[in-house]
Amino acid sequence: SDLSTYDLHVIASFPATYHRYLQRERVHQRLNECVVFAPRIGDKVEIDCEVLESKWSQKWSTYYITVVDSHNHAFFFAYRNQIKPGTKFTARGTVKRISGNQIQLNRVKTDLNQEE
Protein backbone atom coordinates (compact mmCIF):
# COMPACT_ATOMS: atom_id res chain seq x y z
CA SER A 1 0.00 0.00 0.00
CA ASP A 2 1.17 3.52 -0.78
CA LEU A 3 -0.54 5.04 2.24
CA SER A 4 1.67 6.20 5.07
CA THR A 5 0.61 6.39 8.71
CA TYR A 6 0.28 10.15 8.27
CA ASP A 7 -2.10 9.66 5.33
CA LEU A 8 -4.27 7.35 7.41
CA HIS A 9 -4.40 9.90 10.25
CA VAL A 10 -5.43 12.64 7.83
CA ILE A 11 -8.18 10.46 6.35
CA ALA A 12 -9.38 9.50 9.84
CA SER A 13 -9.64 13.19 10.81
CA PHE A 14 -11.96 14.10 7.89
CA PRO A 15 -15.28 13.39 9.64
CA ALA A 16 -14.38 15.47 12.72
CA THR A 17 -13.02 18.28 10.56
CA TYR A 18 -16.18 18.31 8.46
CA HIS A 19 -18.34 18.37 11.61
CA ARG A 20 -16.41 21.42 12.95
CA TYR A 21 -16.77 23.10 9.54
CA LEU A 22 -20.56 22.59 9.60
CA GLN A 23 -20.76 24.01 13.15
CA ARG A 24 -18.78 27.10 12.11
CA GLU A 25 -20.98 27.57 9.05
CA ARG A 26 -24.15 27.39 11.19
CA VAL A 27 -22.75 30.04 13.54
CA HIS A 28 -21.72 32.34 10.67
CA GLN A 29 -25.09 31.89 8.96
CA ARG A 30 -26.90 32.73 12.22
CA LEU A 31 -24.74 35.83 12.73
CA ASN A 32 -25.44 36.98 9.17
CA GLU A 33 -29.18 36.83 9.94
CA CYS A 34 -28.79 39.23 12.87
CA VAL A 35 -30.27 42.72 12.77
CA VAL A 36 -27.84 45.65 12.87
CA PHE A 37 -28.12 47.42 16.20
CA ALA A 38 -26.05 50.51 16.98
CA PRO A 39 -26.07 51.62 20.60
CA ARG A 40 -23.62 54.29 21.68
CA ILE A 41 -20.22 53.35 23.03
CA GLY A 42 -20.46 53.38 26.82
CA ASP A 43 -24.18 52.47 26.92
CA LYS A 44 -25.10 49.87 29.50
CA VAL A 45 -27.20 46.98 28.15
CA GLU A 46 -29.00 44.01 29.65
CA ILE A 47 -29.74 41.13 27.29
CA ASP A 48 -31.46 37.76 27.43
CA CYS A 49 -29.21 35.74 25.17
CA GLU A 50 -28.22 32.34 23.82
CA VAL A 51 -24.62 31.25 23.26
CA LEU A 52 -23.63 30.51 19.66
CA GLU A 53 -19.96 29.79 20.28
CA SER A 54 -17.30 29.91 22.95
CA LYS A 55 -13.67 30.22 21.83
CA TRP A 56 -10.51 30.13 23.94
CA SER A 57 -7.99 32.92 23.26
CA GLN A 58 -4.50 31.81 24.14
CA LYS A 59 -3.21 35.36 23.63
CA TRP A 60 -5.61 36.84 26.22
CA SER A 61 -6.11 33.69 28.37
CA THR A 62 -9.88 34.02 28.31
CA TYR A 63 -12.92 32.74 26.46
CA TYR A 64 -14.68 34.87 23.86
CA ILE A 65 -18.39 34.19 23.97
CA THR A 66 -20.61 34.99 20.97
CA VAL A 67 -24.31 35.35 21.75
CA VAL A 68 -27.57 36.39 20.10
CA ASP A 69 -30.22 38.18 22.15
CA SER A 70 -33.99 37.84 22.03
CA HIS A 71 -34.19 40.79 19.57
CA ASN A 72 -31.83 39.06 17.09
CA HIS A 73 -28.81 41.28 17.88
CA ALA A 74 -25.31 39.77 18.00
CA PHE A 75 -22.89 40.41 20.88
CA PHE A 76 -19.54 39.07 21.98
CA PHE A 77 -17.50 39.47 25.13
CA ALA A 78 -14.59 38.05 27.08
CA TYR A 79 -15.50 35.74 29.94
CA ARG A 80 -13.38 33.80 32.44
CA ASN A 81 -15.20 30.48 31.94
CA GLN A 82 -16.40 28.55 28.95
CA ILE A 83 -20.15 28.66 28.34
CA LYS A 84 -21.56 25.83 26.23
CA PRO A 85 -23.36 26.66 22.96
CA GLY A 86 -27.11 26.70 23.42
CA THR A 87 -26.91 27.99 27.01
CA LYS A 88 -29.44 30.75 27.70
CA PHE A 89 -28.83 33.44 30.33
CA THR A 90 -29.09 37.14 31.12
CA ALA A 91 -25.99 39.33 30.72
CA ARG A 92 -25.32 42.93 31.65
CA GLY A 93 -22.42 44.90 30.24
CA THR A 94 -21.11 48.09 28.72
CA VAL A 95 -20.83 48.64 24.97
CA LYS A 96 -17.12 48.76 24.18
CA ARG A 97 -17.08 48.62 20.39
CA ILE A 98 -19.25 47.93 17.36
CA SER A 99 -17.76 45.66 14.71
CA GLY A 100 -19.98 45.05 11.68
CA ASN A 101 -23.24 43.69 13.03
CA GLN A 102 -21.67 42.50 16.31
CA ILE A 103 -21.40 44.52 19.49
CA GLN A 104 -18.48 43.95 21.85
CA LEU A 105 -19.30 44.26 25.54
CA ASN A 106 -16.99 44.64 28.49
CA ARG A 107 -17.51 44.51 32.25
CA VAL A 108 -20.00 41.70 31.65
CA LYS A 109 -21.92 40.14 34.53
CA THR A 110 -24.16 37.11 34.05
CA ASP A 111 -26.79 35.27 36.03
CA LEU A 112 -24.88 31.98 35.55
CA ASN A 113 -23.50 30.05 38.51
CA GLN A 114 -19.87 30.82 39.25
CA GLU A 115 -18.99 27.14 38.75
CA GLU A 116 -20.32 27.29 35.16
C-alpha atoms as a PDB file:
ATOM      1  CA  SER A   1       0.000   0.000   0.000  1.00  0.00           C
ATOM      2  CA  ASP A   2       1.170   3.522  -0.782  1.00  0.00           C
ATOM      3  CA  LEU A   3      -0.536   5.038   2.241  1.00  0.00           C
ATOM      4  CA  SER A   4       1.670   6.197   5.072  1.00  0.00           C
ATOM      5  CA  THR A   5       0.609   6.387   8.711  1.00  0.00           C
ATOM      6  CA  TYR A   6       0.281  10.146   8.272  1.00  0.00           C
ATOM      7  CA  ASP A   7      -2.101   9.662   5.330  1.00  0.00           C
ATOM      8  CA  LEU A   8      -4.265   7.347   7.414  1.00  0.00           C
ATOM      9  CA  HIS A   9      -4.396   9.899  10.249  1.00  0.00           C
ATOM     10  CA  VAL A  10      -5.433  12.637   7.829  1.00  0.00           C
ATOM     11  CA  ILE A  11      -8.177  10.459   6.354  1.00  0.00           C
ATOM     12  CA  ALA A  12      -9.376   9.502   9.842  1.00  0.00           C
ATOM     13  CA  SER A  13      -9.642  13.194  10.805  1.00  0.00           C
ATOM     14  CA  PHE A  14     -11.957  14.105   7.886  1.00  0.00           C
ATOM     15  CA  PRO A  15     -15.284  13.390   9.644  1.00  0.00           C
ATOM     16  CA  ALA A  16     -14.384  15.473  12.722  1.00  0.00           C
ATOM     17  CA  THR A  17     -13.017  18.278  10.563  1.00  0.00           C
ATOM     18  CA  TYR A  18     -16.178  18.309   8.459  1.00  0.00           C
ATOM     19  CA  HIS A  19     -18.335  18.371  11.609  1.00  0.00           C
ATOM     20  CA  ARG A  20     -16.407  21.419  12.946  1.00  0.00           C
ATOM     21  CA  TYR A  21     -16.765  23.097   9.541  1.00  0.00           C
ATOM     22  CA  LEU A  22     -20.556  22.590   9.604  1.00  0.00           C
ATOM     23  CA  GLN A  23     -20.756  24.011  13.146  1.00  0.00           C
ATOM     24  CA  ARG A  24     -18.778  27.101  12.108  1.00  0.00           C
ATOM     25  CA  GLU A  25     -20.983  27.569   9.047  1.00  0.00           C
ATOM     26  CA  ARG A  26     -24.149  27.390  11.187  1.00  0.00           C
ATOM     27  CA  VAL A  27     -22.747  30.041  13.541  1.00  0.00           C
ATOM     28  CA  HIS A  28     -21.724  32.341  10.667  1.00  0.00           C
ATOM     29  CA  GLN A  29     -25.093  31.894   8.958  1.00  0.00           C
ATOM     30  CA  ARG A  30     -26.899  32.730  12.219  1.00  0.00           C
ATOM     31  CA  LEU A  31     -24.738  35.826  12.733  1.00  0.00           C
ATOM     32  CA  ASN A  32     -25.443  36.982   9.172  1.00  0.00           C
ATOM     33  CA  GLU A  33     -29.179  36.827   9.944  1.00  0.00           C
ATOM     34  CA  CYS A  34     -28.790  39.232  12.868  1.00  0.00           C
ATOM     35  CA  VAL A  35     -30.270  42.721  12.766  1.00  0.00           C
ATOM     36  CA  VAL A  36     -27.843  45.647  12.866  1.00  0.00           C
ATOM     37  CA  PHE A  37     -28.118  47.421  16.202  1.00  0.00           C
ATOM     38  CA  ALA A  38     -26.045  50.507  16.981  1.00  0.00           C
ATOM     39  CA  PRO A  39     -26.074  51.617  20.600  1.00  0.00           C
ATOM     40  CA  ARG A  40     -23.620  54.289  21.685  1.00  0.00           C
ATOM     41  CA  ILE A  41     -20.223  53.349  23.034  1.00  0.00           C
ATOM     42  CA  GLY A  42     -20.465  53.375  26.824  1.00  0.00           C
ATOM     43  CA  ASP A  43     -24.178  52.474  26.923  1.00  0.00           C
ATOM     44  CA  LYS A  44     -25.102  49.868  29.496  1.00  0.00           C
ATOM     45  CA  VAL A  45     -27.198  46.983  28.152  1.00  0.00           C
ATOM     46  CA  GLU A  46     -29.000  44.008  29.653  1.00  0.00           C
ATOM     47  CA  ILE A  47     -29.737  41.135  27.288  1.00  0.00           C
ATOM     48  CA  ASP A  48     -31.459  37.762  27.431  1.00  0.00           C
ATOM     49  CA  CYS A  49     -29.211  35.738  25.175  1.00  0.00           C
ATOM     50  CA  GLU A  50     -28.216  32.345  23.816  1.00  0.00           C
ATOM     51  CA  VAL A  51     -24.619  31.253  23.255  1.00  0.00           C
ATOM     52  CA  LEU A  52     -23.627  30.511  19.658  1.00  0.00           C
ATOM     53  CA  GLU A  53     -19.960  29.786  20.283  1.00  0.00           C
ATOM     54  CA  SER A  54     -17.301  29.912  22.946  1.00  0.00           C
ATOM     55  CA  LYS A  55     -13.671  30.217  21.826  1.00  0.00           C
ATOM     56  CA  TRP A  56     -10.510  30.130  23.938  1.00  0.00           C
ATOM     57  CA  SER A  57      -7.994  32.922  23.262  1.00  0.00           C
ATOM     58  CA  GLN A  58      -4.503  31.812  24.139  1.00  0.00           C
ATOM     59  CA  LYS A  59      -3.214  35.363  23.632  1.00  0.00           C
ATOM     60  CA  TRP A  60      -5.605  36.835  26.221  1.00  0.00           C
ATOM     61  CA  SER A  61      -6.109  33.690  28.369  1.00  0.00           C
ATOM     62  CA  THR A  62      -9.876  34.024  28.310  1.00  0.00           C
ATOM     63  CA  TYR A  63     -12.918  32.739  26.462  1.00  0.00           C
ATOM     64  CA  TYR A  64     -14.677  34.865  23.865  1.00  0.00           C
ATOM     65  CA  ILE A  65     -18.392  34.191  23.971  1.00  0.00           C
ATOM     66  CA  THR A  66     -20.608  34.989  20.973  1.00  0.00           C
ATOM     67  CA  VAL A  67     -24.315  35.347  21.752  1.00  0.00           C
ATOM     68  CA  VAL A  68     -27.570  36.390  20.099  1.00  0.00           C
ATOM     69  CA  ASP A  69     -30.215  38.176  22.151  1.00  0.00           C
ATOM     70  CA  SER A  70     -33.994  37.843  22.033  1.00  0.00           C
ATOM     71  CA  HIS A  71     -34.191  40.785  19.568  1.00  0.00           C
ATOM     72  CA  ASN A  72     -31.828  39.064  17.092  1.00  0.00           C
ATOM     73  CA  HIS A  73     -28.811  41.276  17.884  1.00  0.00           C
ATOM     74  CA  ALA A  74     -25.306  39.773  17.995  1.00  0.00           C
ATOM     75  CA  PHE A  75     -22.894  40.414  20.876  1.00  0.00           C
ATOM     76  CA  PHE A  76     -19.540  39.068  21.984  1.00  0.00           C
ATOM     77  CA  PHE A  77     -17.497  39.472  25.129  1.00  0.00           C
ATOM     78  CA  ALA A  78     -14.588  38.054  27.076  1.00  0.00           C
ATOM     79  CA  TYR A  79     -15.498  35.737  29.945  1.00  0.00           C
ATOM     80  CA  ARG A  80     -13.380  33.804  32.444  1.00  0.00           C
ATOM     81  CA  ASN A  81     -15.200  30.484  31.945  1.00  0.00           C
ATOM     82  CA  GLN A  82     -16.404  28.554  28.948  1.00  0.00           C
ATOM     83  CA  ILE A  83     -20.149  28.656  28.335  1.00  0.00           C
ATOM     84  CA  LYS A  84     -21.559  25.830  26.233  1.00  0.00           C
ATOM     85  CA  PRO A  85     -23.356  26.663  22.963  1.00  0.00           C
ATOM     86  CA  GLY A  86     -27.112  26.699  23.417  1.00  0.00           C
ATOM     87  CA  THR A  87     -26.913  27.987  27.011  1.00  0.00           C
ATOM     88  CA  LYS A  88     -29.444  30.754  27.705  1.00  0.00           C
ATOM     89  CA  PHE A  89     -28.833  33.438  30.330  1.00  0.00           C
ATOM     90  CA  THR A  90     -29.085  37.139  31.122  1.00  0.00           C
ATOM     91  CA  ALA A  91     -25.994  39.330  30.724  1.00  0.00           C
ATOM     92  CA  ARG A  92     -25.325  42.934  31.654  1.00  0.00           C
ATOM     93  CA  GLY A  93     -22.419  44.895  30.236  1.00  0.00           C
ATOM     94  CA  THR A  94     -21.110  48.091  28.720  1.00  0.00           C
ATOM     95  CA  VAL A  95     -20.832  48.635  24.969  1.00  0.00           C
ATOM     96  CA  LYS A  96     -17.124  48.757  24.185  1.00  0.00           C
ATOM     97  CA  ARG A  97     -17.078  48.624  20.386  1.00  0.00           C
ATOM     98  CA  ILE A  98     -19.252  47.929  17.357  1.00  0.00           C
ATOM     99  CA  SER A  99     -17.760  45.657  14.709  1.00  0.00           C
ATOM    100  CA  GLY A 100     -19.978  45.050  11.678  1.00  0.00           C
ATOM    101  CA  ASN A 101     -23.244  43.687  13.029  1.00  0.00           C
ATOM    102  CA  GLN A 102     -21.668  42.503  16.311  1.00  0.00           C
ATOM    103  CA  ILE A 103     -21.396  44.525  19.491  1.00  0.00           C
ATOM    104  CA  GLN A 104     -18.481  43.952  21.851  1.00  0.00           C
ATOM    105  CA  LEU A 105     -19.303  44.257  25.536  1.00  0.00           C
ATOM    106  CA  ASN A 106     -16.989  44.640  28.486  1.00  0.00           C
ATOM    107  CA  ARG A 107     -17.507  44.514  32.249  1.00  0.00           C
ATOM    108  CA  VAL A 108     -20.001  41.699  31.652  1.00  0.00           C
ATOM    109  CA  LYS A 109     -21.920  40.144  34.532  1.00  0.00           C
ATOM    110  CA  THR A 110     -24.162  37.113  34.052  1.00  0.00           C
ATOM    111  CA  ASP A 111     -26.794  35.269  36.030  1.00  0.00           C
ATOM    112  CA  LEU A 112     -24.876  31.978  35.553  1.00  0.00           C
ATOM    113  CA  ASN A 113     -23.504  30.050  38.510  1.00  0.00           C
ATOM    114  CA  GLN A 114     -19.866  30.821  39.249  1.00  0.00           C
ATOM    115  CA  GLU A 115     -18.991  27.144  38.752  1.00  0.00           C
ATOM    116  CA  GLU A 116     -20.322  27.293  35.158  1.00  0.00           C
END
